[in-house]
């Protein structure tokens, strides 16, 4: 099981959804523009990209726990947190 981690510094200048697409396409050995149907479903068919942004960037609660969200996309489990994105094969 391979893991792609970048907990030290998530790029704040681009949407999380684009970072996810880049990491998945890197794992697949293709360009992000090749991550297209019919083989690859659009990310928004799996999860609402705005929901990811809201939870990770604005969801910090009073207990100061950094929120994370996990979901399956294509053949990967994606976990997104305030400080990084993990991509694990299913």
PDB file of N, CA and C in Angstrom:
ATOM      1  N   UNK A   1       0.850  -1.177   0.000  1.00  0.00           N
ATOM      2  CA  UNK A   1       0.000   0.000   0.000  1.00  0.00           C
ATOM      3  C   UNK A   1       0.893   1.237   0.000  1.00  0.00           C
ATOM      4  N   UNK A   2       0.763   2.060  -1.000  1.00  0.00           N
ATOM      5  CA  UNK A   2       1.566   3.268  -1.110  1.00  0.00           C
ATOM      6  C   UNK A   2       0.805   4.438  -0.511  1.00  0.00           C
ATOM      7  N   UNK A   3       1.552   5.330   0.111  1.00  0.00           N
ATOM      8  CA  UNK A   3       0.954   6.506   0.731  1.00  0.00           C
ATOM      9  C   UNK A   3       1.673   7.738   0.224  1.00  0.00           C
ATOM     10  N   UNK A   4       0.924   8.760  -0.135  1.00  0.00           N
ATOM     11  CA  UNK A   4       1.477  10.030  -0.557  1.00  0.00           C
ATOM     12  C   UNK A   4       1.097  11.038   0.515  1.00  0.00           C
ATOM     13  N   UNK A   5       2.075  11.541   1.212  1.00  0.00           N
ATOM     14  CA  UNK A   5       1.782  12.463   2.314  1.00  0.00           C
ATOM     15  C   UNK A   5       2.497  13.781   2.107  1.00  0.00           C
ATOM     16  N   UNK A   6       1.836  14.842   2.500  1.00  0.00           N
ATOM     17  CA  UNK A   6       2.408  16.176   2.439  1.00  0.00           C
ATOM     18  C   UNK A   6       1.835  16.959   3.608  1.00  0.00           C
ATOM     19  N   UNK A   7       2.138  16.493   4.807  1.00  0.00           N
ATOM     20  CA  UNK A   7       1.556  17.120   5.996  1.00  0.00           C
ATOM     21  C   UNK A   7       2.220  18.440   6.359  1.00  0.00           C
ATOM     22  N   UNK A   8       3.428  18.674   5.868  1.00  0.00           N
ATOM     23  CA  UNK A   8       4.144  19.856   6.302  1.00  0.00           C
ATOM     24  C   UNK A   8       3.610  21.134   5.683  1.00  0.00           C
ATOM     25  N   UNK A   9       3.053  21.044   4.445  1.00  0.00           N
ATOM     26  CA  UNK A   9       2.630  22.282   3.805  1.00  0.00           C
ATOM     27  C   UNK A   9       1.691  21.991   2.649  1.00  0.00           C
ATOM     28  N   UNK A  10       0.407  22.186   2.864  1.00  0.00           N
ATOM     29  CA  UNK A  10      -0.556  22.049   1.784  1.00  0.00           C
ATOM     30  C   UNK A  10      -0.615  23.374   1.052  1.00  0.00           C
ATOM     31  N   UNK A  11      -0.642  23.327  -0.266  1.00  0.00           N
ATOM     32  CA  UNK A  11      -0.672  24.537  -1.080  1.00  0.00           C
ATOM     33  C   UNK A  11      -1.990  25.274  -0.855  1.00  0.00           C
ATOM     34  N   UNK A  12      -1.929  26.459  -0.315  1.00  0.00           N
ATOM     35  CA  UNK A  12      -3.147  27.231  -0.026  1.00  0.00           C
ATOM     36  C   UNK A  12      -3.588  28.060  -1.231  1.00  0.00           C
ATOM     37  N   UNK A  13      -2.771  28.099  -2.293  1.00  0.00           N
ATOM     38  CA  UNK A  13      -3.089  28.939  -3.438  1.00  0.00           C
ATOM     39  C   UNK A  13      -3.961  28.262  -4.487  1.00  0.00           C
ATOM     40  N   UNK A  14      -4.217  26.982  -4.330  1.00  0.00           N
ATOM     41  CA  UNK A  14      -5.080  26.307  -5.294  1.00  0.00           C
ATOM     42  C   UNK A  14      -6.123  25.486  -4.555  1.00  0.00           C
ATOM     43  N   UNK A  15      -7.258  25.252  -5.191  1.00  0.00           N
ATOM     44  CA  UNK A  15      -8.309  24.470  -4.539  1.00  0.00           C
ATOM     45  C   UNK A  15      -7.829  23.063  -4.189  1.00  0.00           C
ATOM     46  N   UNK A  16      -8.340  22.544  -3.098  1.00  0.00           N
ATOM     47  CA  UNK A  16      -7.984  21.199  -2.648  1.00  0.00           C
ATOM     48  C   UNK A  16      -8.319  20.182  -3.731  1.00  0.00           C
ATOM     49  N   UNK A  17      -9.429  20.384  -4.433  1.00  0.00           N
ATOM     50  CA  UNK A  17      -9.823  19.427  -5.472  1.00  0.00           C
ATOM     51  C   UNK A  17      -8.752  19.304  -6.553  1.00  0.00           C
ATOM     52  N   UNK A  18      -8.100  20.400  -6.915  1.00  0.00           N
ATOM     53  CA  UNK A  18      -7.029  20.337  -7.908  1.00  0.00           C
ATOM     54  C   UNK A  18      -5.810  19.599  -7.372  1.00  0.00           C
ATOM     55  N   UNK A  19      -5.524  19.778  -6.095  1.00  0.00           N
ATOM     56  CA  UNK A  19      -4.425  19.040  -5.470  1.00  0.00           C
ATOM     57  C   UNK A  19      -4.712  17.536  -5.479  1.00  0.00           C
ATOM     58  N   UNK A  20      -5.953  17.176  -5.197  1.00  0.00           N
ATOM     59  CA  UNK A  20      -6.341  15.759  -5.200  1.00  0.00           C
ATOM     60  C   UNK A  20      -6.172  15.178  -6.603  1.00  0.00           C
ATOM     61  N   UNK A  21      -6.678  15.881  -7.606  1.00  0.00           N
ATOM     62  CA  UNK A  21      -6.551  15.415  -8.995  1.00  0.00           C
ATOM     63  C   UNK A  21      -5.085  15.256  -9.372  1.00  0.00           C
ATOM     64  N   UNK A  22      -4.253  16.185  -8.989  1.00  0.00           N
ATOM     65  CA  UNK A  22      -2.818  16.109  -9.294  1.00  0.00           C
ATOM     66  C   UNK A  22      -2.192  14.885  -8.634  1.00  0.00           C
ATOM     67  N   UNK A  23      -2.500  14.647  -7.369  1.00  0.00           N
ATOM     68  CA  UNK A  23      -1.914  13.506  -6.661  1.00  0.00           C
ATOM     69  C   UNK A  23      -2.388  12.169  -7.243  1.00  0.00           C
ATOM     70  N   UNK A  24      -3.674  12.080  -7.587  1.00  0.00           N
ATOM     71  CA  UNK A  24      -4.186  10.843  -8.175  1.00  0.00           C
ATOM     72  C   UNK A  24      -3.562  10.625  -9.555  1.00  0.00           C
ATOM     73  N   UNK A  25      -3.492  11.665 -10.362  1.00  0.00           N
ATOM     74  CA  UNK A  25      -2.904  11.505 -11.694  1.00  0.00           C
ATOM     75  C   UNK A  25      -1.426  11.138 -11.602  1.00  0.00           C
ATOM     76  N   UNK A  26      -0.714  11.689 -10.630  1.00  0.00           N
ATOM     77  CA  UNK A  26       0.689  11.297 -10.409  1.00  0.00           C
ATOM     78  C   UNK A  26       0.781   9.808 -10.096  1.00  0.00           C
ATOM     79  N   UNK A  27      -0.112   9.330  -9.232  1.00  0.00           N
ATOM     80  CA  UNK A  27      -0.115   7.910  -8.872  1.00  0.00           C
ATOM     81  C   UNK A  27      -0.443   7.033 -10.066  1.00  0.00           C
ATOM     82  N   UNK A  28      -1.298   7.528 -10.961  1.00  0.00           N
ATOM     83  CA  UNK A  28      -1.689   6.783 -12.147  1.00  0.00           C
ATOM     84  C   UNK A  28      -0.643   6.888 -13.259  1.00  0.00           C
ATOM     85  N   UNK A  29       0.297   7.819 -13.109  1.00  0.00           N
ATOM     86  CA  UNK A  29       1.327   8.005 -14.122  1.00  0.00           C
ATOM     87  C   UNK A  29       0.827   8.710 -15.367  1.00  0.00           C
ATOM     88  N   UNK A  30      -0.169   9.574 -15.186  1.00  0.00           N
ATOM     89  CA  UNK A  30      -0.741  10.314 -16.310  1.00  0.00           C
ATOM     90  C   UNK A  30      -0.825  11.794 -15.945  1.00  0.00           C
ATOM     91  N   UNK A  31      -1.096  12.600 -16.949  1.00  0.00           N
ATOM     92  CA  UNK A  31      -1.302  14.029 -16.742  1.00  0.00           C
ATOM     93  C   UNK A  31      -2.686  14.252 -16.118  1.00  0.00           C
ATOM     94  N   UNK A  32      -2.854  15.294 -15.316  1.00  0.00           N
ATOM     95  CA  UNK A  32      -4.185  15.569 -14.752  1.00  0.00           C
ATOM     96  C   UNK A  32      -5.273  15.725 -15.819  1.00  0.00           C
ATOM     97  N   UNK A  33      -4.936  16.222 -17.003  1.00  0.00           N
ATOM     98  CA  UNK A  33      -5.945  16.383 -18.052  1.00  0.00           C
ATOM     99  C   UNK A  33      -6.372  15.047 -18.648  1.00  0.00           C
ATOM    100  N   UNK A  34      -5.617  13.983 -18.390  1.00  0.00           N
ATOM    101  CA  UNK A  34      -5.983  12.652 -18.864  1.00  0.00           C
ATOM    102  C   UNK A  34      -6.907  11.918 -17.882  1.00  0.00           C
ATOM    103  N   UNK A  35      -7.148  12.497 -16.744  1.00  0.00           N
ATOM    104  CA  UNK A  35      -8.007  11.891 -15.724  1.00  0.00           C
ATOM    105  C   UNK A  35      -9.463  12.198 -16.087  1.00  0.00           C
ATOM    106  N   UNK A  36      -9.933  11.568 -17.156  1.00  0.00           N
ATOM    107  CA  UNK A  36     -11.235  11.890 -17.723  1.00  0.00           C
ATOM    108  C   UNK A  36     -12.085  10.633 -17.911  1.00  0.00           C
ATOM    109  N   UNK A  37     -13.407  10.828 -18.052  1.00  0.00           N
ATOM    110  CA  UNK A  37     -14.287   9.701 -18.350  1.00  0.00           C
ATOM    111  C   UNK A  37     -13.923   9.102 -19.714  1.00  0.00           C
ATOM    112  N   UNK A  38     -14.240   7.872 -19.966  1.00  0.00           N
ATOM    113  CA  UNK A  38     -15.079   7.005 -19.143  1.00  0.00           C
ATOM    114  C   UNK A  38     -14.301   6.269 -18.047  1.00  0.00           C
ATOM    115  N   UNK A  39     -12.965   6.199 -18.164  1.00  0.00           N
ATOM    116  CA  UNK A  39     -12.218   5.429 -17.167  1.00  0.00           C
ATOM    117  C   UNK A  39     -12.246   6.090 -15.785  1.00  0.00           C
ATOM    118  N   UNK A  40     -12.147   7.395 -15.739  1.00  0.00           N
ATOM    119  CA  UNK A  40     -12.109   8.125 -14.474  1.00  0.00           C
ATOM    120  C   UNK A  40     -13.334   9.019 -14.364  1.00  0.00           C
ATOM    121  N   UNK A  41     -14.104   8.824 -13.317  1.00  0.00           N
ATOM    122  CA  UNK A  41     -15.252   9.697 -13.064  1.00  0.00           C
ATOM    123  C   UNK A  41     -14.745  11.062 -12.603  1.00  0.00           C
ATOM    124  N   UNK A  42     -15.481  12.117 -12.911  1.00  0.00           N
ATOM    125  CA  UNK A  42     -15.107  13.421 -12.365  1.00  0.00           C
ATOM    126  C   UNK A  42     -15.159  13.382 -10.832  1.00  0.00           C
ATOM    127  N   UNK A  43     -14.251  14.071 -10.207  1.00  0.00           N
ATOM    128  CA  UNK A  43     -14.202  14.093  -8.742  1.00  0.00           C
ATOM    129  C   UNK A  43     -15.536  14.551  -8.161  1.00  0.00           C
ATOM    130  N   UNK A  44     -16.179  15.520  -8.796  1.00  0.00           N
ATOM    131  CA  UNK A  44     -17.444  16.045  -8.269  1.00  0.00           C
ATOM    132  C   UNK A  44     -18.576  15.018  -8.300  1.00  0.00           C
ATOM    133  N   UNK A  45     -18.411  13.916  -9.027  1.00  0.00           N
ATOM    134  CA  UNK A  45     -19.403  12.835  -8.961  1.00  0.00           C
ATOM    135  C   UNK A  45     -19.240  12.007  -7.693  1.00  0.00           C
ATOM    136  N   UNK A  46     -18.085  12.110  -7.066  1.00  0.00           N
ATOM    137  CA  UNK A  46     -17.794  11.361  -5.842  1.00  0.00           C
ATOM    138  C   UNK A  46     -18.054  12.194  -4.600  1.00  0.00           C
ATOM    139  N   UNK A  47     -17.636  13.453  -4.642  1.00  0.00           N
ATOM    140  CA  UNK A  47     -17.772  14.331  -3.479  1.00  0.00           C
ATOM    141  C   UNK A  47     -17.829  15.781  -3.949  1.00  0.00           C
ATOM    142  N   UNK A  48     -18.545  16.587  -3.222  1.00  0.00           N
ATOM    143  CA  UNK A  48     -18.656  18.008  -3.537  1.00  0.00           C
ATOM    144  C   UNK A  48     -17.343  18.717  -3.173  1.00  0.00           C
ATOM    145  N   UNK A  49     -16.609  19.261  -4.158  1.00  0.00           N
ATOM    146  CA  UNK A  49     -15.345  19.940  -3.852  1.00  0.00           C
ATOM    147  C   UNK A  49     -15.490  21.088  -2.859  1.00  0.00           C
ATOM    148  N   UNK A  50     -16.611  21.784  -2.911  1.00  0.00           N
ATOM    149  CA  UNK A  50     -16.830  22.881  -1.957  1.00  0.00           C
ATOM    150  C   UNK A  50     -16.966  22.359  -0.534  1.00  0.00           C
ATOM    151  N   UNK A  51     -17.554  21.180  -0.389  1.00  0.00           N
ATOM    152  CA  UNK A  51     -17.675  20.561   0.930  1.00  0.00           C
ATOM    153  C   UNK A  51     -16.289  20.287   1.513  1.00  0.00           C
ATOM    154  N   UNK A  52     -15.387  19.779   0.686  1.00  0.00           N
ATOM    155  CA  UNK A  52     -14.015  19.521   1.154  1.00  0.00           C
ATOM    156  C   UNK A  52     -13.395  20.812   1.651  1.00  0.00           C
ATOM    157  N   UNK A  53     -13.488  21.864   0.852  1.00  0.00           N
ATOM    158  CA  UNK A  53     -12.911  23.161   1.234  1.00  0.00           C
ATOM    159  C   UNK A  53     -13.506  23.654   2.555  1.00  0.00           C
ATOM    160  N   UNK A  54     -14.842  23.578   2.669  1.00  0.00           N
ATOM    161  CA  UNK A  54     -15.513  24.063   3.875  1.00  0.00           C
ATOM    162  C   UNK A  54     -15.075  23.296   5.118  1.00  0.00           C
ATOM    163  N   UNK A  55     -15.038  21.988   5.023  1.00  0.00           N
ATOM    164  CA  UNK A  55     -14.692  21.178   6.188  1.00  0.00           C
ATOM    165  C   UNK A  55     -13.245  21.389   6.591  1.00  0.00           C
ATOM    166  N   UNK A  56     -12.354  21.337   5.627  1.00  0.00           N
ATOM    167  CA  UNK A  56     -10.925  21.389   5.946  1.00  0.00           C
ATOM    168  C   UNK A  56     -10.470  22.795   6.316  1.00  0.00           C
ATOM    169  N   UNK A  57     -10.887  23.797   5.569  1.00  0.00           N
ATOM    170  CA  UNK A  57     -10.395  25.155   5.811  1.00  0.00           C
ATOM    171  C   UNK A  57     -11.207  25.953   6.822  1.00  0.00           C
ATOM    172  N   UNK A  58     -12.472  25.559   7.038  1.00  0.00           N
ATOM    173  CA  UNK A  58     -13.320  26.370   7.911  1.00  0.00           C
ATOM    174  C   UNK A  58     -13.999  25.570   9.014  1.00  0.00           C
ATOM    175  N   UNK A  59     -13.718  24.285   9.090  1.00  0.00           N
ATOM    176  CA  UNK A  59     -14.463  23.425  10.001  1.00  0.00           C
ATOM    177  C   UNK A  59     -13.855  23.242  11.372  1.00  0.00           C
ATOM    178  N   UNK A  60     -12.815  23.950  11.702  1.00  0.00           N
ATOM    179  CA  UNK A  60     -12.172  23.776  12.992  1.00  0.00           C
ATOM    180  C   UNK A  60     -13.121  24.190  14.108  1.00  0.00           C
ATOM    181  N   UNK A  61     -13.350  23.281  15.004  1.00  0.00           N
ATOM    182  CA  UNK A  61     -14.309  23.515  16.070  1.00  0.00           C
ATOM    183  C   UNK A  61     -13.666  24.060  17.330  1.00  0.00           C
ATOM    184  N   UNK A  62     -14.479  24.237  18.367  1.00  0.00           N
ATOM    185  CA  UNK A  62     -13.983  24.804  19.616  1.00  0.00           C
ATOM    186  C   UNK A  62     -12.985  23.904  20.334  1.00  0.00           C
ATOM    187  N   UNK A  63     -12.965  22.613  20.011  1.00  0.00           N
ATOM    188  CA  UNK A  63     -12.023  21.720  20.682  1.00  0.00           C
ATOM    189  C   UNK A  63     -10.661  21.731  20.000  1.00  0.00           C
ATOM    190  N   UNK A  64     -10.498  22.581  18.948  1.00  0.00           N
ATOM    191  CA  UNK A  64      -9.231  22.774  18.252  1.00  0.00           C
ATOM    192  C   UNK A  64      -8.695  21.511  17.585  1.00  0.00           C
ATOM    193  N   UNK A  65      -9.561  20.590  17.225  1.00  0.00           N
ATOM    194  CA  UNK A  65      -9.152  19.403  16.485  1.00  0.00           C
ATOM    195  C   UNK A  65      -9.167  19.763  15.002  1.00  0.00           C
ATOM    196  N   UNK A  66      -8.081  19.450  14.307  1.00  0.00           N
ATOM    197  CA  UNK A  66      -8.042  19.724  12.882  1.00  0.00           C
ATOM    198  C   UNK A  66      -8.952  18.746  12.156  1.00  0.00           C
ATOM    199  N   UNK A  67      -9.928  19.238  11.414  1.00  0.00           N
ATOM    200  CA  UNK A  67     -10.871  18.356  10.728  1.00  0.00           C
ATOM    201  C   UNK A  67     -10.222  17.625   9.561  1.00  0.00           C
ATOM    202  N   UNK A  68     -10.683  16.427   9.318  1.00  0.00           N
ATOM    203  CA  UNK A  68     -10.267  15.662   8.145  1.00  0.00           C
ATOM    204  C   UNK A  68     -11.507  15.065   7.501  1.00  0.00           C
ATOM    205  N   UNK A  69     -11.373  14.734   6.233  1.00  0.00           N
ATOM    206  CA  UNK A  69     -12.437  14.067   5.515  1.00  0.00           C
ATOM    207  C   UNK A  69     -11.794  12.977   4.666  1.00  0.00           C
ATOM    208  N   UNK A  70     -12.428  11.805   4.644  1.00  0.00           N
ATOM    209  CA  UNK A  70     -11.928  10.683   3.846  1.00  0.00           C
ATOM    210  C   UNK A  70     -13.031  10.196   2.918  1.00  0.00           C
ATOM    211  N   UNK A  71     -12.631   9.782   1.721  1.00  0.00           N
ATOM    212  CA  UNK A  71     -13.575   9.256   0.743  1.00  0.00           C
ATOM    213  C   UNK A  71     -12.802   8.413  -0.261  1.00  0.00           C
ATOM    214  N   UNK A  72     -13.534   7.589  -0.998  1.00  0.00           N
ATOM    215  CA  UNK A  72     -12.932   6.765  -2.034  1.00  0.00           C
ATOM    216  C   UNK A  72     -13.146   7.421  -3.385  1.00  0.00           C
ATOM    217  N   UNK A  73     -12.082   7.443  -4.182  1.00  0.00           N
ATOM    218  CA  UNK A  73     -12.151   7.970  -5.538  1.00  0.00           C
ATOM    219  C   UNK A  73     -11.335   7.070  -6.442  1.00  0.00           C
ATOM    220  N   UNK A  74     -11.981   6.557  -7.469  1.00  0.00           N
ATOM    221  CA  UNK A  74     -11.397   5.607  -8.391  1.00  0.00           C
ATOM    222  C   UNK A  74     -10.910   4.412  -7.581  1.00  0.00           C
ATOM    223  N   UNK A  75      -9.633   4.155  -7.508  1.00  0.00           N
ATOM    224  CA  UNK A  75      -9.155   3.015  -6.721  1.00  0.00           C
ATOM    225  C   UNK A  75      -8.302   3.463  -5.533  1.00  0.00           C
ATOM    226  N   UNK A  76      -8.612   4.638  -5.022  1.00  0.00           N
ATOM    227  CA  UNK A  76      -7.846   5.213  -3.916  1.00  0.00           C
ATOM    228  C   UNK A  76      -8.762   5.664  -2.785  1.00  0.00           C
ATOM    229  N   UNK A  77      -8.234   5.624  -1.582  1.00  0.00           N
ATOM    230  CA  UNK A  77      -8.866   6.274  -0.445  1.00  0.00           C
ATOM    231  C   UNK A  77      -8.117   7.579  -0.258  1.00  0.00           C
ATOM    232  N   UNK A  78      -8.855   8.670  -0.258  1.00  0.00           N
ATOM    233  CA  UNK A  78      -8.273  10.009  -0.135  1.00  0.00           C
ATOM    234  C   UNK A  78      -8.629  10.535   1.253  1.00  0.00           C
ATOM    235  N   UNK A  79      -7.642  10.994   1.987  1.00  0.00           N
ATOM    236  CA  UNK A  79      -7.869  11.648   3.271  1.00  0.00           C
ATOM    237  C   UNK A  79      -7.271  13.044   3.182  1.00  0.00           C
ATOM    238  N   UNK A  80      -8.115  14.030   3.445  1.00  0.00           N
ATOM    239  CA  UNK A  80      -7.700  15.425   3.345  1.00  0.00           C
ATOM    240  C   UNK A  80      -7.814  16.063   4.716  1.00  0.00           C
ATOM    241  N   UNK A  81      -6.763  16.729   5.120  1.00  0.00           N
ATOM    242  CA  UNK A  81      -6.752  17.479   6.366  1.00  0.00           C
ATOM    243  C   UNK A  81      -6.178  18.859   6.125  1.00  0.00           C
ATOM    244  N   UNK A  82      -6.180  19.655   7.132  1.00  0.00           N
ATOM    245  CA  UNK A  82      -5.692  21.026   7.018  1.00  0.00           C
ATOM    246  C   UNK A  82      -4.251  21.087   6.516  1.00  0.00           C
ATOM    247  N   UNK A  83      -3.446  20.080   6.833  1.00  0.00           N
ATOM    248  CA  UNK A  83      -2.027  20.141   6.514  1.00  0.00           C
ATOM    249  C   UNK A  83      -1.576  19.158   5.452  1.00  0.00           C
ATOM    250  N   UNK A  84      -2.496  18.448   4.824  1.00  0.00           N
ATOM    251  CA  UNK A  84      -2.029  17.544   3.790  1.00  0.00           C
ATOM    252  C   UNK A  84      -3.103  16.643   3.232  1.00  0.00           C
ATOM    253  N   UNK A  85      -2.696  15.920   2.209  1.00  0.00           N
ATOM    254  CA  UNK A  85      -3.559  14.990   1.507  1.00  0.00           C
ATOM    255  C   UNK A  85      -2.851  13.653   1.460  1.00  0.00           C
ATOM    256  N   UNK A  86      -3.545  12.588   1.891  1.00  0.00           N
ATOM    257  CA  UNK A  86      -3.020  11.228   1.794  1.00  0.00           C
ATOM    258  C   UNK A  86      -3.787  10.504   0.700  1.00  0.00           C
ATOM    259  N   UNK A  87      -3.064   9.773  -0.129  1.00  0.00           N
ATOM    260  CA  UNK A  87      -3.664   8.978  -1.190  1.00  0.00           C
ATOM    261  C   UNK A  87      -3.203   7.534  -0.989  1.00  0.00           C
ATOM    262  N   UNK A  88      -4.137   6.659  -0.614  1.00  0.00           N
ATOM    263  CA  UNK A  88      -3.836   5.246  -0.371  1.00  0.00           C
ATOM    264  C   UNK A  88      -4.586   4.387  -1.358  1.00  0.00           C
ATOM    265  N   UNK A  89      -3.922   3.376  -1.888  1.00  0.00           N
ATOM    266  CA  UNK A  89      -4.617   2.433  -2.746  1.00  0.00           C
ATOM    267  C   UNK A  89      -5.626   1.653  -1.918  1.00  0.00           C
ATOM    268  N   UNK A  90      -6.768   1.354  -2.526  1.00  0.00           N
ATOM    269  CA  UNK A  90      -7.792   0.548  -1.831  1.00  0.00           C
ATOM    270  C   UNK A  90      -7.368  -0.892  -1.765  1.00  0.00           C
TER     271      UNK A  90
END
